[in-house]
Amino acid sequence: MVEIKGFNEAYKAMLAKETVKKIHKKHTDNRVKELIAQGVDKEIAKVMASVGL
C-alpha cells in the first residue's frame, strides 16, 4: 500500500472542520429553542442565534 504524503493530516483537518460545524449547528439549534421559549419569533430567533445574540 502506498502512503500519500500529507493525506493523513488533510483527512484529520477535514474531520476537525466537520466536527466544529456539527457542534456549531447543535449550539445554534439549542439557542433557537431557548429564544423561542422566551417568546421570540422563530425566524428572528434563527437569525439571532446565527449571529451569536
N, C-alpha and C. Protein backbone atom coordinates (compact mmCIF):
# COMPACT_ATOMS: atom_id res chain seq x y z
N MET A 1 0.84 -1.18 0.00
CA MET A 1 0.00 0.00 0.00
C MET A 1 0.89 1.25 0.00
N VAL A 2 0.56 2.19 -0.83
CA VAL A 2 1.34 3.41 -0.96
C VAL A 2 0.71 4.49 -0.09
N GLU A 3 1.53 5.17 0.69
CA GLU A 3 1.04 6.25 1.54
C GLU A 3 1.17 7.57 0.79
N ILE A 4 0.09 8.29 0.73
CA ILE A 4 0.10 9.60 0.07
C ILE A 4 0.57 10.63 1.09
N LYS A 5 1.61 11.34 0.74
CA LYS A 5 2.21 12.30 1.67
C LYS A 5 1.21 13.42 1.99
N GLY A 6 0.99 13.62 3.28
CA GLY A 6 0.10 14.68 3.71
C GLY A 6 -1.37 14.30 3.76
N PHE A 7 -1.70 13.08 3.32
CA PHE A 7 -3.11 12.68 3.29
C PHE A 7 -3.69 12.60 4.70
N ASN A 8 -2.96 11.98 5.62
CA ASN A 8 -3.48 11.83 6.99
C ASN A 8 -3.75 13.18 7.63
N GLU A 9 -2.85 14.12 7.46
CA GLU A 9 -3.05 15.45 8.03
C GLU A 9 -4.26 16.14 7.42
N ALA A 10 -4.40 16.02 6.12
CA ALA A 10 -5.54 16.64 5.44
C ALA A 10 -6.85 15.99 5.89
N TYR A 11 -6.84 14.68 6.03
CA TYR A 11 -8.03 13.96 6.46
C TYR A 11 -8.42 14.35 7.89
N LYS A 12 -7.44 14.43 8.77
CA LYS A 12 -7.71 14.83 10.16
C LYS A 12 -8.24 16.26 10.22
N ALA A 13 -7.69 17.13 9.39
CA ALA A 13 -8.16 18.52 9.34
C ALA A 13 -9.61 18.58 8.86
N MET A 14 -9.94 17.75 7.86
CA MET A 14 -11.30 17.71 7.35
C MET A 14 -12.26 17.23 8.43
N LEU A 15 -11.87 16.18 9.16
CA LEU A 15 -12.72 15.67 10.24
C LEU A 15 -12.91 16.72 11.33
N ALA A 16 -11.86 17.45 11.64
CA ALA A 16 -11.95 18.50 12.65
C ALA A 16 -12.93 19.59 12.22
N LYS A 17 -12.86 19.99 10.94
CA LYS A 17 -13.78 21.01 10.42
C LYS A 17 -15.23 20.54 10.52
N GLU A 18 -15.47 19.29 10.12
CA GLU A 18 -16.82 18.74 10.17
C GLU A 18 -17.33 18.69 11.61
N THR A 19 -16.47 18.33 12.54
CA THR A 19 -16.86 18.28 13.95
C THR A 19 -17.22 19.66 14.46
N VAL A 20 -16.43 20.66 14.10
CA VAL A 20 -16.73 22.03 14.52
C VAL A 20 -18.06 22.49 13.94
N LYS A 21 -18.34 22.14 12.67
CA LYS A 21 -19.61 22.51 12.05
C LYS A 21 -20.78 21.88 12.80
N LYS A 22 -20.64 20.59 13.17
CA LYS A 22 -21.72 19.90 13.89
C LYS A 22 -21.95 20.54 15.25
N ILE A 23 -20.88 20.86 15.96
CA ILE A 23 -21.00 21.48 17.28
C ILE A 23 -21.67 22.84 17.15
N HIS A 24 -21.26 23.62 16.15
CA HIS A 24 -21.84 24.95 15.95
C HIS A 24 -23.33 24.84 15.63
N LYS A 25 -23.69 23.89 14.77
CA LYS A 25 -25.10 23.70 14.39
C LYS A 25 -25.92 23.29 15.61
N LYS A 26 -25.39 22.39 16.42
CA LYS A 26 -26.11 21.94 17.61
C LYS A 26 -26.31 23.10 18.58
N HIS A 27 -25.27 23.89 18.76
CA HIS A 27 -25.36 25.06 19.65
C HIS A 27 -26.39 26.06 19.12
N THR A 28 -26.36 26.31 17.83
CA THR A 28 -27.31 27.24 17.22
C THR A 28 -28.74 26.74 17.39
N ASP A 29 -28.96 25.44 17.16
CA ASP A 29 -30.30 24.88 17.32
C ASP A 29 -30.79 25.02 18.76
N ASN A 30 -29.90 24.77 19.72
CA ASN A 30 -30.29 24.92 21.13
C ASN A 30 -30.62 26.36 21.46
N ARG A 31 -29.84 27.29 20.92
CA ARG A 31 -30.09 28.71 21.18
C ARG A 31 -31.42 29.15 20.57
N VAL A 32 -31.74 28.63 19.38
CA VAL A 32 -33.02 28.96 18.74
C VAL A 32 -34.17 28.48 19.64
N LYS A 33 -34.05 27.27 20.18
CA LYS A 33 -35.09 26.75 21.07
C LYS A 33 -35.24 27.62 22.31
N GLU A 34 -34.12 28.07 22.87
CA GLU A 34 -34.17 28.96 24.04
C GLU A 34 -34.89 30.27 23.72
N LEU A 35 -34.54 30.85 22.58
CA LEU A 35 -35.14 32.13 22.20
C LEU A 35 -36.64 31.98 21.93
N ILE A 36 -37.03 30.89 21.29
CA ILE A 36 -38.44 30.65 21.02
C ILE A 36 -39.19 30.49 22.34
N ALA A 37 -38.58 29.81 23.30
CA ALA A 37 -39.20 29.64 24.62
C ALA A 37 -39.38 30.98 25.32
N GLN A 38 -38.52 31.94 25.01
CA GLN A 38 -38.62 33.27 25.61
C GLN A 38 -39.64 34.16 24.89
N GLY A 39 -40.21 33.63 23.79
CA GLY A 39 -41.25 34.37 23.09
C GLY A 39 -40.79 35.08 21.83
N VAL A 40 -39.58 34.80 21.37
CA VAL A 40 -39.08 35.43 20.15
C VAL A 40 -39.61 34.65 18.94
N ASP A 41 -39.95 35.36 17.87
CA ASP A 41 -40.41 34.73 16.64
C ASP A 41 -39.36 33.76 16.11
N LYS A 42 -39.82 32.66 15.49
CA LYS A 42 -38.91 31.60 15.04
C LYS A 42 -37.85 32.10 14.06
N GLU A 43 -38.25 32.86 13.06
CA GLU A 43 -37.30 33.35 12.05
C GLU A 43 -36.30 34.33 12.67
N ILE A 44 -36.78 35.19 13.53
CA ILE A 44 -35.89 36.14 14.20
C ILE A 44 -34.92 35.40 15.11
N ALA A 45 -35.42 34.36 15.78
CA ALA A 45 -34.57 33.55 16.66
C ALA A 45 -33.45 32.88 15.88
N LYS A 46 -33.76 32.40 14.67
CA LYS A 46 -32.73 31.76 13.84
C LYS A 46 -31.62 32.75 13.49
N VAL A 47 -32.02 33.95 13.12
CA VAL A 47 -31.03 34.97 12.76
C VAL A 47 -30.21 35.37 13.98
N MET A 48 -30.88 35.58 15.09
CA MET A 48 -30.18 35.97 16.31
C MET A 48 -29.17 34.90 16.73
N ALA A 49 -29.58 33.64 16.66
CA ALA A 49 -28.69 32.55 17.06
C ALA A 49 -27.51 32.43 16.10
N SER A 50 -27.75 32.67 14.82
CA SER A 50 -26.66 32.52 13.84
C SER A 50 -25.61 33.62 13.98
N VAL A 51 -26.02 34.79 14.47
CA VAL A 51 -25.04 35.88 14.65
C VAL A 51 -24.50 35.94 16.07
N GLY A 52 -25.00 35.07 16.94
CA GLY A 52 -24.45 34.97 18.28
C GLY A 52 -25.13 35.82 19.34
N LEU A 53 -26.35 36.23 19.09
CA LEU A 53 -27.07 37.02 20.10
C LEU A 53 -27.91 36.13 20.99
